[in-house]
Amino acid sequence: MRKKYAALAAAVLVAAGAAASAPGATAAPDLLLPDLRQVPPGCTTGESGNLAQCHAWDVCLVTDAAAPNGRCVPATAAKAVRLRFTSSEENVGDGPLLLYGRRDSAKQDTMTVRQAMRNAADGSIPRDYASAQGATRAYTYYEPAMAHQHWHLMNFEHFALVSPQGKTVVTDRKNGFCLGDRYPVADAGRLAHVPGATGADAELAGTLRENMCRHHQPTALDVTEGISVGAGDDYKYDVDFQWLDITGVPAGTYDLVNTANADRTLAETNYGNNSSAVALTIEWPNGTPNAKQVPAPIVRFVRSCPGRPRCA
């Protein structure tokens, strides 16, 4: 349920806008904001708690614990155990998530980021960094690794393994994301502002569908990233750093938690669905965490909790 938050619009329109920071913040009627819905990790839809939708994950044993990715090997050759999983965020709000990054010179390593928000009265949305209403604490960085070589939005999403007592046991090493319209959300039909076949929304959606975040352009001075209403952005479980190292994690039940926009630097209509979790169990055949075991550790997903940071 939305709460009124008129101060957000005033800050955005009068002072070039710091993004919303209060829990559950909602824009006044003159702005149409996105709503980022975090899909439970390893699952393929944001609105369902059905475990049958949570098959996009695996346990991968690797020989190099420091490698961003790597070929899965038998337990006899393993040095580390990884829990790999797909992560996805969906925009189910009233307006697109649209972010512009810019730097003044190629000598600067990062770009600052501003958020552009749609005007409810005339449907307009800023088309460049200078006119975007919302200043953010986000920034972009060019990732030169072979599998990326484009501009990453930093700190957009984080994931962690959390004990039933609320203690973070393992945190991610993911460093950034290239956001675009990668797939349509399952419940797009209930959303009021999904782009049509023509018009400005359709043009923007077309740009975001093809968005590669200035691929192979390390000297770029600007970049656009975002997610249209009714679209989602996902990173498959075999992508670099889409994993948590569980080599030394004791047997037990844990929450695997994904959170988007954790610092709420991006303005949204609703922050209550930015975290989602699955409860899982880890079982070591010999009782003690050890990568070199035959068979490998057994991991089971036992519950899915969309929109909730705790599940176990």
C-alpha atoms as a PDB file:
ATOM      1  CA  MET A   1       0.000   0.000   0.000  1.00  0.00           C
ATOM      2  CA  ARG A   2       1.307   3.411  -0.915  1.00  0.00           C
ATOM      3  CA  LYS A   3       1.925   6.242   1.516  1.00  0.00           C
ATOM      4  CA  LYS A   4       1.890   9.894   0.506  1.00  0.00           C
ATOM      5  CA  TYR A   5       5.263  11.537   0.414  1.00  0.00           C
ATOM      6  CA  ALA A   6       4.931  14.981  -1.129  1.00  0.00           C
ATOM      7  CA  ALA A   7       8.332  16.106   0.125  1.00  0.00           C
ATOM      8  CA  LEU A   8      10.047  13.894  -2.447  1.00  0.00           C
ATOM      9  CA  ALA A   9       8.571  15.725  -5.395  1.00  0.00           C
ATOM     10  CA  ALA A  10       9.327  19.081  -3.831  1.00  0.00           C
ATOM     11  CA  ALA A  11      12.966  18.103  -3.307  1.00  0.00           C
ATOM     12  CA  VAL A  12      13.282  16.763  -6.845  1.00  0.00           C
ATOM     13  CA  LEU A  13      11.641  19.682  -8.612  1.00  0.00           C
ATOM     14  CA  VAL A  14      12.899  22.561  -6.481  1.00  0.00           C
ATOM     15  CA  ALA A  15      16.428  21.525  -5.589  1.00  0.00           C
ATOM     16  CA  ALA A  16      17.308  19.156  -8.444  1.00  0.00           C
ATOM     17  CA  GLY A  17      16.343  16.492  -6.049  1.00  0.00           C
ATOM     18  CA  ALA A  18      17.968  14.129  -3.624  1.00  0.00           C
ATOM     19  CA  ALA A  19      16.273  10.771  -4.040  1.00  0.00           C
ATOM     20  CA  ALA A  20      13.798   9.479  -1.491  1.00  0.00           C
ATOM     21  CA  SER A  21      15.284   8.155   1.714  1.00  0.00           C
ATOM     22  CA  ALA A  22      12.365   7.338   3.987  1.00  0.00           C
ATOM     23  CA  PRO A  23      11.004   3.778   4.249  1.00  0.00           C
ATOM     24  CA  GLY A  24       8.023   3.213   1.981  1.00  0.00           C
ATOM     25  CA  ALA A  25       8.511   6.594   0.330  1.00  0.00           C
ATOM     26  CA  THR A  26       6.102   7.504  -2.449  1.00  0.00           C
ATOM     27  CA  ALA A  27       6.139  10.382  -4.919  1.00  0.00           C
ATOM     28  CA  ALA A  28       3.524  13.100  -5.095  1.00  0.00           C
ATOM     29  CA  PRO A  29       1.131  12.854  -8.082  1.00  0.00           C
ATOM     30  CA  ASP A  30       3.284  14.957 -10.405  1.00  0.00           C
ATOM     31  CA  LEU A  31       5.975  12.260 -10.745  1.00  0.00           C
ATOM     32  CA  LEU A  32       5.661   8.665 -11.916  1.00  0.00           C
ATOM     33  CA  LEU A  33       8.325   6.557 -10.237  1.00  0.00           C
ATOM     34  CA  PRO A  34       9.544   2.999 -10.705  1.00  0.00           C
ATOM     35  CA  ASP A  35       9.010   0.235  -8.175  1.00  0.00           C
ATOM     36  CA  LEU A  36      11.846  -2.282  -8.043  1.00  0.00           C
ATOM     37  CA  ARG A  37      10.610  -5.736  -7.091  1.00  0.00           C
ATOM     38  CA  GLN A  38      13.395  -8.102  -6.071  1.00  0.00           C
ATOM     39  CA  VAL A  39      12.809 -11.644  -7.274  1.00  0.00           C
ATOM     40  CA  PRO A  40      13.825 -14.346  -4.759  1.00  0.00           C
ATOM     41  CA  PRO A  41      17.325 -15.593  -5.656  1.00  0.00           C
ATOM     42  CA  GLY A  42      17.337 -18.565  -7.966  1.00  0.00           C
ATOM     43  CA  CYS A  43      13.685 -18.031  -8.888  1.00  0.00           C
ATOM     44  CA  THR A  44      12.194 -16.957 -12.189  1.00  0.00           C
ATOM     45  CA  THR A  45       9.169 -14.860 -11.235  1.00  0.00           C
ATOM     46  CA  GLY A  46       8.790 -12.001  -8.785  1.00  0.00           C
ATOM     47  CA  GLU A  47       5.254 -12.510  -7.562  1.00  0.00           C
ATOM     48  CA  SER A  48       5.141 -16.234  -6.847  1.00  0.00           C
ATOM     49  CA  GLY A  49       6.358 -18.065  -3.777  1.00  0.00           C
ATOM     50  CA  ASN A  50       6.210 -21.361  -5.647  1.00  0.00           C
ATOM     51  CA  LEU A  51       9.437 -23.332  -5.198  1.00  0.00           C
ATOM     52  CA  ALA A  52       8.872 -24.832  -8.638  1.00  0.00           C
ATOM     53  CA  GLN A  53       9.851 -21.390  -9.969  1.00  0.00           C
ATOM     54  CA  CYS A  54      13.193 -21.585  -8.110  1.00  0.00           C
ATOM     55  CA  HIS A  55      15.345 -23.783 -10.322  1.00  0.00           C
ATOM     56  CA  ALA A  56      17.892 -21.249 -11.606  1.00  0.00           C
ATOM     57  CA  TRP A  57      20.720 -22.209  -9.242  1.00  0.00           C
ATOM     58  CA  ASP A  58      23.274 -24.918  -8.581  1.00  0.00           C
ATOM     59  CA  VAL A  59      26.208 -25.990  -6.415  1.00  0.00           C
ATOM     60  CA  CYS A  60      29.504 -25.638  -8.258  1.00  0.00           C
ATOM     61  CA  LEU A  61      32.860 -26.896  -6.990  1.00  0.00           C
ATOM     62  CA  VAL A  62      35.875 -25.036  -8.390  1.00  0.00           C
ATOM     63  CA  THR A  63      39.649 -25.316  -8.243  1.00  0.00           C
ATOM     64  CA  ASP A  64      40.321 -21.569  -7.830  1.00  0.00           C
ATOM     65  CA  ALA A  65      38.458 -19.896  -4.973  1.00  0.00           C
ATOM     66  CA  ALA A  66      39.401 -16.423  -6.236  1.00  0.00           C
ATOM     67  CA  ALA A  67      38.284 -16.812  -9.861  1.00  0.00           C
ATOM     68  CA  PRO A  68      35.257 -14.747 -10.962  1.00  0.00           C
ATOM     69  CA  ASN A  69      33.911 -17.831 -12.671  1.00  0.00           C
ATOM     70  CA  GLY A  70      35.198 -21.252 -13.460  1.00  0.00           C
ATOM     71  CA  ARG A  71      34.459 -24.737 -14.640  1.00  0.00           C
ATOM     72  CA  CYS A  72      32.688 -26.947 -12.128  1.00  0.00           C
ATOM     73  CA  VAL A  73      34.894 -29.897 -11.115  1.00  0.00           C
ATOM     74  CA  PRO A  74      34.508 -33.157  -9.152  1.00  0.00           C
ATOM     75  CA  ALA A  75      34.823 -32.904  -5.380  1.00  0.00           C
ATOM     76  CA  THR A  76      38.175 -34.693  -5.444  1.00  0.00           C
ATOM     77  CA  ALA A  77      39.686 -31.753  -7.381  1.00  0.00           C
ATOM     78  CA  ALA A  78      37.824 -28.945  -5.601  1.00  0.00           C
ATOM     79  CA  LYS A  79      39.277 -26.122  -3.550  1.00  0.00           C
ATOM     80  CA  ALA A  80      36.026 -24.232  -2.966  1.00  0.00           C
ATOM     81  CA  VAL A  81      32.257 -24.711  -3.052  1.00  0.00           C
ATOM     82  CA  ARG A  82      30.005 -22.101  -4.583  1.00  0.00           C
ATOM     83  CA  LEU A  83      26.263 -21.649  -4.419  1.00  0.00           C
ATOM     84  CA  ARG A  84      25.418 -20.062  -7.765  1.00  0.00           C
ATOM     85  CA  PHE A  85      22.044 -18.468  -8.494  1.00  0.00           C
ATOM     86  CA  THR A  86      20.292 -16.161 -10.919  1.00  0.00           C
ATOM     87  CA  SER A  87      19.268 -12.753  -9.558  1.00  0.00           C
ATOM     88  CA  SER A  88      16.518 -10.601 -11.071  1.00  0.00           C
ATOM     89  CA  GLU A  89      14.900  -7.230 -10.471  1.00  0.00           C
ATOM     90  CA  GLU A  90      11.607  -6.153 -12.008  1.00  0.00           C
ATOM     91  CA  ASN A  91      10.045  -2.720 -12.442  1.00  0.00           C
ATOM     92  CA  VAL A  92       6.372  -2.930 -11.445  1.00  0.00           C
ATOM     93  CA  GLY A  93       5.933   0.789 -10.785  1.00  0.00           C
ATOM     94  CA  ASP A  94       4.349   3.730 -12.568  1.00  0.00           C
ATOM     95  CA  GLY A  95       7.381   5.027 -14.447  1.00  0.00           C
ATOM     96  CA  PRO A  96      10.625   3.705 -15.918  1.00  0.00           C
ATOM     97  CA  LEU A  97      13.806   3.379 -13.927  1.00  0.00           C
ATOM     98  CA  LEU A  98      16.036   5.617 -16.025  1.00  0.00           C
ATOM     99  CA  LEU A  99      19.578   6.488 -14.997  1.00  0.00           C
ATOM    100  CA  TYR A 100      22.117   8.703 -16.738  1.00  0.00           C
ATOM    101  CA  GLY A 101      25.810   8.488 -15.935  1.00  0.00           C
ATOM    102  CA  ARG A 102      28.295  11.191 -16.911  1.00  0.00           C
ATOM    103  CA  ARG A 103      31.895  12.263 -16.371  1.00  0.00           C
ATOM    104  CA  ASP A 104      33.673  15.366 -17.583  1.00  0.00           C
ATOM    105  CA  SER A 105      36.825  13.641 -18.762  1.00  0.00           C
ATOM    106  CA  ALA A 106      38.070  10.180 -19.693  1.00  0.00           C
ATOM    107  CA  LYS A 107      40.717  10.701 -17.002  1.00  0.00           C
ATOM    108  CA  GLN A 108      38.013  10.155 -14.387  1.00  0.00           C
ATOM    109  CA  ASP A 109      37.516   6.496 -13.476  1.00  0.00           C
ATOM    110  CA  THR A 110      33.820   6.768 -12.637  1.00  0.00           C
ATOM    111  CA  MET A 111      30.664   8.564 -13.720  1.00  0.00           C
ATOM    112  CA  THR A 112      28.191  10.183 -11.372  1.00  0.00           C
ATOM    113  CA  VAL A 113      24.563   9.133 -11.871  1.00  0.00           C
ATOM    114  CA  ARG A 114      21.299  11.063 -11.961  1.00  0.00           C
ATOM    115  CA  GLN A 115      17.794   9.587 -12.083  1.00  0.00           C
ATOM    116  CA  ALA A 116      15.245  10.804 -14.600  1.00  0.00           C
ATOM    117  CA  MET A 117      11.585  10.619 -13.554  1.00  0.00           C
ATOM    118  CA  ARG A 118       8.460  10.878 -15.675  1.00  0.00           C
ATOM    119  CA  ASN A 119       6.158  13.889 -15.322  1.00  0.00           C
ATOM    120  CA  ALA A 120       2.612  12.648 -14.704  1.00  0.00           C
ATOM    121  CA  ALA A 121       0.968  15.725 -16.237  1.00  0.00           C
ATOM    122  CA  ASP A 122       2.448  15.597 -19.732  1.00  0.00           C
ATOM    123  CA  GLY A 123       4.249  12.246 -19.782  1.00  0.00           C
ATOM    124  CA  SER A 124       7.632  13.832 -20.445  1.00  0.00           C
ATOM    125  CA  ILE A 125      10.840  12.381 -19.119  1.00  0.00           C
ATOM    126  CA  PRO A 126      14.322  13.975 -19.167  1.00  0.00           C
ATOM    127  CA  ARG A 127      16.490  12.712 -21.993  1.00  0.00           C
ATOM    128  CA  ASP A 128      19.942  13.479 -20.619  1.00  0.00           C
ATOM    129  CA  TYR A 129      22.036  13.801 -17.483  1.00  0.00           C
ATOM    130  CA  ALA A 130      21.763  17.585 -17.276  1.00  0.00           C
ATOM    131  CA  SER A 131      17.959  17.591 -17.163  1.00  0.00           C
ATOM    132  CA  ALA A 132      17.459  14.505 -14.966  1.00  0.00           C
ATOM    133  CA  GLN A 133      15.772  15.585 -11.730  1.00  0.00           C
ATOM    134  CA  GLY A 134      17.285  13.259  -9.126  1.00  0.00           C
ATOM    135  CA  ALA A 135      20.831  13.341  -7.813  1.00  0.00           C
ATOM    136  CA  THR A 136      21.933   9.934  -6.468  1.00  0.00           C
ATOM    137  CA  ARG A 137      24.827   8.398  -4.562  1.00  0.00           C
ATOM    138  CA  ALA A 138      25.201   5.807  -7.344  1.00  0.00           C
ATOM    139  CA  TYR A 139      28.076   5.768  -9.813  1.00  0.00           C
ATOM    140  CA  THR A 140      29.243   3.750 -12.798  1.00  0.00           C
ATOM    141  CA  TYR A 141      32.600   2.101 -13.455  1.00  0.00           C
ATOM    142  CA  TYR A 142      33.989   0.477 -16.597  1.00  0.00           C
ATOM    143  CA  GLU A 143      34.604  -3.210 -15.944  1.00  0.00           C
ATOM    144  CA  PRO A 144      37.413  -4.407 -18.259  1.00  0.00           C
ATOM    145  CA  ALA A 145      36.998  -8.150 -17.590  1.00  0.00           C
ATOM    146  CA  MET A 146      36.499 -10.157 -20.775  1.00  0.00           C
ATOM    147  CA  ALA A 147      32.961 -11.201 -19.864  1.00  0.00           C
ATOM    148  CA  HIS A 148      31.860  -7.590 -19.323  1.00  0.00           C
ATOM    149  CA  GLN A 149      33.788  -4.704 -20.907  1.00  0.00           C
ATOM    150  CA  HIS A 150      31.028  -2.199 -20.293  1.00  0.00           C
ATOM    151  CA  TRP A 151      29.917   0.352 -17.708  1.00  0.00           C
ATOM    152  CA  HIS A 152      28.552  -1.117 -14.492  1.00  0.00           C
ATOM    153  CA  LEU A 153      26.115   0.563 -12.137  1.00  0.00           C
ATOM    154  CA  MET A 154      27.746  -0.020  -8.774  1.00  0.00           C
ATOM    155  CA  ASN A 155      26.035  -1.160  -5.556  1.00  0.00           C
ATOM    156  CA  PHE A 156      22.679  -1.670  -7.248  1.00  0.00           C
ATOM    157  CA  GLU A 157      22.100  -5.118  -5.771  1.00  0.00           C
ATOM    158  CA  HIS A 158      23.622  -7.213  -3.004  1.00  0.00           C
ATOM    159  CA  PHE A 159      23.141 -10.769  -1.831  1.00  0.00           C
ATOM    160  CA  ALA A 160      24.087 -12.628   1.320  1.00  0.00           C
ATOM    161  CA  LEU A 161      23.647 -15.835   3.289  1.00  0.00           C
ATOM    162  CA  VAL A 162      22.068 -15.086   6.673  1.00  0.00           C
ATOM    163  CA  SER A 163      21.669 -17.335   9.715  1.00  0.00           C
ATOM    164  CA  PRO A 164      18.292 -17.822  11.480  1.00  0.00           C
ATOM    165  CA  GLN A 165      19.653 -15.520  14.185  1.00  0.00           C
ATOM    166  CA  GLY A 166      20.090 -12.749  11.615  1.00  0.00           C
ATOM    167  CA  LYS A 167      23.881 -12.957  11.364  1.00  0.00           C
ATOM    168  CA  THR A 168      25.365 -12.465   7.890  1.00  0.00           C
ATOM    169  CA  VAL A 169      27.490 -15.543   7.216  1.00  0.00           C
ATOM    170  CA  VAL A 170      28.658 -14.865   3.630  1.00  0.00           C
ATOM    171  CA  THR A 171      28.440 -11.724   1.487  1.00  0.00           C
ATOM    172  CA  ASP A 172      28.713 -11.273  -2.264  1.00  0.00           C
ATOM    173  CA  ARG A 173      31.660 -10.100  -4.329  1.00  0.00           C
ATOM    174  CA  LYS A 174      29.535  -8.733  -7.163  1.00  0.00           C
ATOM    175  CA  ASN A 175      30.670  -5.266  -8.207  1.00  0.00           C
ATOM    176  CA  GLY A 176      28.103  -3.914 -10.620  1.00  0.00           C
ATOM    177  CA  PHE A 177      25.315  -4.336 -13.124  1.00  0.00           C
ATOM    178  CA  CYS A 178      24.410  -3.260 -16.649  1.00  0.00           C
ATOM    179  CA  LEU A 179      20.667  -2.619 -16.469  1.00  0.00           C
ATOM    180  CA  GLY A 180      18.284  -3.088 -19.373  1.00  0.00           C
ATOM    181  CA  ASP A 181      14.975  -4.676 -20.354  1.00  0.00           C
ATOM    182  CA  ARG A 182      15.968  -8.355 -20.452  1.00  0.00           C
ATOM    183  CA  TYR A 183      12.528 -10.001 -20.125  1.00  0.00           C
ATOM    184  CA  PRO A 184       8.818  -9.124 -19.592  1.00  0.00           C
ATOM    185  CA  VAL A 185       7.452  -9.597 -16.071  1.00  0.00           C
ATOM    186  CA  ALA A 186       4.829 -12.306 -15.586  1.00  0.00           C
ATOM    187  CA  ASP A 187       2.137  -9.939 -14.304  1.00  0.00           C
ATOM    188  CA  ALA A 188       2.685  -7.055 -16.735  1.00  0.00           C
ATOM    189  CA  GLY A 189      -1.020  -7.122 -17.613  1.00  0.00           C
ATOM    190  CA  ARG A 190      -1.986  -5.572 -14.290  1.00  0.00           C
ATOM    191  CA  LEU A 191       0.418  -2.630 -14.665  1.00  0.00           C
ATOM    192  CA  ALA A 192      -0.980   0.668 -15.912  1.00  0.00           C
ATOM    193  CA  HIS A 193       2.102   2.123 -17.602  1.00  0.00           C
ATOM    194  CA  VAL A 194       3.671  -0.680 -19.623  1.00  0.00           C
ATOM    195  CA  PRO A 195       5.068   0.785 -22.886  1.00  0.00           C
ATOM    196  CA  GLY A 196       2.894   0.294 -25.948  1.00  0.00           C
ATOM    197  CA  ALA A 197       3.926  -0.420 -29.519  1.00  0.00           C
ATOM    198  CA  THR A 198       4.503   3.220 -30.450  1.00  0.00           C
ATOM    199  CA  GLY A 199       5.358   6.531 -28.850  1.00  0.00           C
ATOM    200  CA  ALA A 200       8.063   7.800 -26.503  1.00  0.00           C
ATOM    201  CA  ASP A 201       7.682   4.900 -24.056  1.00  0.00           C
ATOM    202  CA  ALA A 202       8.112   2.370 -26.830  1.00  0.00           C
ATOM    203  CA  GLU A 203      11.207   4.199 -28.078  1.00  0.00           C
ATOM    204  CA  LEU A 204      12.760   4.214 -24.601  1.00  0.00           C
ATOM    205  CA  ALA A 205      11.899   0.543 -24.095  1.00  0.00           C
ATOM    206  CA  GLY A 206      13.551  -0.266 -27.407  1.00  0.00           C
ATOM    207  CA  THR A 207      16.712   1.478 -26.260  1.00  0.00           C
ATOM    208  CA  LEU A 208      16.720  -0.391 -22.953  1.00  0.00           C
ATOM    209  CA  ARG A 209      16.096  -3.754 -24.624  1.00  0.00           C
ATOM    210  CA  GLU A 210      19.241  -3.301 -26.672  1.00  0.00           C
ATOM    211  CA  ASN A 211      21.236  -1.596 -23.926  1.00  0.00           C
ATOM    212  CA  MET A 212      24.798  -2.851 -23.543  1.00  0.00           C
ATOM    213  CA  CYS A 213      26.014   0.032 -21.365  1.00  0.00           C
ATOM    214  CA  ARG A 214      28.625   1.396 -23.781  1.00  0.00           C
ATOM    215  CA  HIS A 215      30.091  -2.013 -24.557  1.00  0.00           C
ATOM    216  CA  HIS A 216      33.755  -1.800 -25.588  1.00  0.00           C
ATOM    217  CA  GLN A 217      33.751   1.957 -24.932  1.00  0.00           C
ATOM    218  CA  PRO A 218      36.059   2.597 -21.949  1.00  0.00           C
ATOM    219  CA  THR A 219      36.536   6.224 -23.039  1.00  0.00           C
ATOM    220  CA  ALA A 220      32.807   7.020 -23.089  1.00  0.00           C
ATOM    221  CA  LEU A 221      31.759  10.141 -21.204  1.00  0.00           C
ATOM    222  CA  ASP A 222      28.132   9.108 -20.652  1.00  0.00           C
ATOM    223  CA  VAL A 223      25.994   6.002 -20.278  1.00  0.00           C
ATOM    224  CA  THR A 224      22.294   5.194 -19.947  1.00  0.00           C
ATOM    225  CA  GLU A 225      20.893   2.347 -17.852  1.00  0.00           C
ATOM    226  CA  GLY A 226      17.427   1.390 -16.682  1.00  0.00           C
ATOM    227  CA  ILE A 227      14.382  -0.879 -16.676  1.00  0.00           C
ATOM    228  CA  SER A 228      11.015  -0.084 -18.278  1.00  0.00           C
ATOM    229  CA  VAL A 229       7.713  -0.631 -16.492  1.00  0.00           C
ATOM    230  CA  GLY A 230       6.769  -4.286 -16.931  1.00  0.00           C
ATOM    231  CA  ALA A 231      10.328  -5.442 -17.642  1.00  0.00           C
ATOM    232  CA  GLY A 232      13.011  -7.135 -15.596  1.00  0.00           C
ATOM    233  CA  ASP A 233      16.791  -7.345 -15.595  1.00  0.00           C
ATOM    234  CA  ASP A 234      18.461 -10.639 -14.707  1.00  0.00           C
ATOM    235  CA  TYR A 235      21.938 -12.057 -14.265  1.00  0.00           C
ATOM    236  CA  LYS A 236      22.182 -15.791 -14.899  1.00  0.00           C
ATOM    237  CA  TYR A 237      23.823 -18.059 -12.347  1.00  0.00           C
ATOM    238  CA  ASP A 238      26.800 -18.802 -14.609  1.00  0.00           C
ATOM    239  CA  VAL A 239      27.811 -15.125 -14.865  1.00  0.00           C
ATOM    240  CA  ASP A 240      30.922 -13.863 -13.049  1.00  0.00           C
ATOM    241  CA  PHE A 241      30.451 -13.456  -9.285  1.00  0.00           C
ATOM    242  CA  GLN A 242      26.839 -14.702  -9.318  1.00  0.00           C
ATOM    243  CA  TRP A 243      27.663 -16.886  -6.339  1.00  0.00           C
ATOM    244  CA  LEU A 244      28.427 -17.112  -2.642  1.00  0.00           C
ATOM    245  CA  ASP A 245      31.348 -19.163  -1.333  1.00  0.00           C
ATOM    246  CA  ILE A 246      29.898 -21.713   1.101  1.00  0.00           C
ATOM    247  CA  THR A 247      33.085 -23.747   1.552  1.00  0.00           C
ATOM    248  CA  GLY A 248      33.286 -23.144   5.293  1.00  0.00           C
ATOM    249  CA  VAL A 249      29.605 -22.689   6.103  1.00  0.00           C
ATOM    250  CA  PRO A 250      28.358 -25.144   8.770  1.00  0.00           C
ATOM    251  CA  ALA A 251      25.428 -27.412   8.053  1.00  0.00           C
ATOM    252  CA  GLY A 252      22.075 -25.855   8.853  1.00  0.00           C
ATOM    253  CA  THR A 253      19.234 -23.693   7.608  1.00  0.00           C
ATOM    254  CA  TYR A 254      19.891 -20.230   6.167  1.00  0.00           C
ATOM    255  CA  ASP A 255      18.278 -17.360   4.300  1.00  0.00           C
ATOM    256  CA  LEU A 256      19.673 -16.536   0.876  1.00  0.00           C
ATOM    257  CA  VAL A 257      18.741 -12.866   0.517  1.00  0.00           C
ATOM    258  CA  ASN A 258      18.860 -10.534  -2.489  1.00  0.00           C
ATOM    259  CA  THR A 259      18.341  -6.783  -2.053  1.00  0.00           C
ATOM    260  CA  ALA A 260      18.099  -4.102  -4.728  1.00  0.00           C
ATOM    261  CA  ASN A 261      18.621  -0.381  -4.054  1.00  0.00           C
ATOM    262  CA  ALA A 262      19.588  -1.140  -0.457  1.00  0.00           C
ATOM    263  CA  ASP A 263      20.654   2.428   0.338  1.00  0.00           C
ATOM    264  CA  ARG A 264      17.483   3.835  -1.289  1.00  0.00           C
ATOM    265  CA  THR A 265      19.445   6.296  -3.335  1.00  0.00           C
ATOM    266  CA  LEU A 266      17.074   5.603  -6.242  1.00  0.00           C
ATOM    267  CA  ALA A 267      13.569   7.034  -5.875  1.00  0.00           C
ATOM    268  CA  GLU A 268      10.763   4.454  -5.951  1.00  0.00           C
ATOM    269  CA  THR A 269       7.082   4.279  -5.128  1.00  0.00           C
ATOM    270  CA  ASN A 270       7.686   1.433  -2.699  1.00  0.00           C
ATOM    271  CA  TYR A 271      10.751   0.110  -0.887  1.00  0.00           C
ATOM    272  CA  GLY A 272       8.915  -2.719   0.862  1.00  0.00           C
ATOM    273  CA  ASN A 273       9.617  -5.271  -1.874  1.00  0.00           C
ATOM    274  CA  ASN A 274      13.305  -4.518  -2.470  1.00  0.00           C
ATOM    275  CA  SER A 275      14.444  -7.653  -0.612  1.00  0.00           C
ATOM    276  CA  SER A 276      13.431 -11.246  -1.253  1.00  0.00           C
ATOM    277  CA  ALA A 277      14.731 -14.480   0.228  1.00  0.00           C
ATOM    278  CA  VAL A 278      14.687 -18.229  -0.006  1.00  0.00           C
ATOM    279  CA  ALA A 279      15.221 -20.525   2.952  1.00  0.00           C
ATOM    280  CA  LEU A 280      17.703 -23.291   2.218  1.00  0.00           C
ATOM    281  CA  THR A 281      19.464 -26.104   3.990  1.00  0.00           C
ATOM    282  CA  ILE A 282      23.110 -27.136   3.693  1.00  0.00           C
ATOM    283  CA  GLU A 283      24.162 -30.690   4.537  1.00  0.00           C
ATOM    284  CA  TRP A 284      27.756 -31.911   4.533  1.00  0.00           C
ATOM    285  CA  PRO A 285      28.014 -35.685   4.003  1.00  0.00           C
ATOM    286  CA  ASN A 286      30.812 -36.015   6.568  1.00  0.00           C
ATOM    287  CA  GLY A 287      29.336 -33.471   8.962  1.00  0.00           C
ATOM    288  CA  THR A 288      32.171 -30.948   8.631  1.00  0.00           C
ATOM    289  CA  PRO A 289      32.454 -28.227   5.942  1.00  0.00           C
ATOM    290  CA  ASN A 290      35.109 -29.309   3.484  1.00  0.00           C
ATOM    291  CA  ALA A 291      35.334 -28.755  -0.253  1.00  0.00           C
ATOM    292  CA  LYS A 292      37.039 -32.094  -0.882  1.00  0.00           C
ATOM    293  CA  GLN A 293      34.154 -34.421  -0.202  1.00  0.00           C
ATOM    294  CA  VAL A 294      32.505 -37.108  -2.266  1.00  0.00           C
ATOM    295  CA  PRO A 295      29.670 -36.506  -2.746  1.00  0.00           C
ATOM    296  CA  ALA A 296      29.524 -32.703  -2.696  1.00  0.00           C
ATOM    297  CA  PRO A 297      27.476 -30.849  -0.063  1.00  0.00           C
ATOM    298  CA  ILE A 298      23.734 -31.132  -0.463  1.00  0.00           C
ATOM    299  CA  VAL A 299      21.805 -27.855  -0.742  1.00  0.00           C
ATOM    300  CA  ARG A 300      18.008 -27.759  -0.801  1.00  0.00           C
ATOM    301  CA  PHE A 301      15.688 -24.779  -1.288  1.00  0.00           C
ATOM    302  CA  VAL A 302      12.817 -25.280   1.161  1.00  0.00           C
ATOM    303  CA  ARG A 303      10.797 -22.050   0.996  1.00  0.00           C
ATOM    304  CA  SER A 304      10.501 -18.948  -1.193  1.00  0.00           C
ATOM    305  CA  CYS A 305       9.589 -15.576   0.308  1.00  0.00           C
ATOM    306  CA  PRO A 306       9.031 -12.837  -2.308  1.00  0.00           C
ATOM    307  CA  GLY A 307       9.215  -9.334  -0.884  1.00  0.00           C
ATOM    308  CA  ARG A 308      10.612 -10.508   2.449  1.00  0.00           C
ATOM    309  CA  PRO A 309      14.207 -10.311   3.703  1.00  0.00           C
ATOM    310  CA  ARG A 310      13.741 -13.288   6.032  1.00  0.00           C
ATOM    311  CA  CYS A 311      12.380 -16.708   5.151  1.00  0.00           C
ATOM    312  CA  ALA A 312      13.979 -19.378   7.352  1.00  0.00           C
END
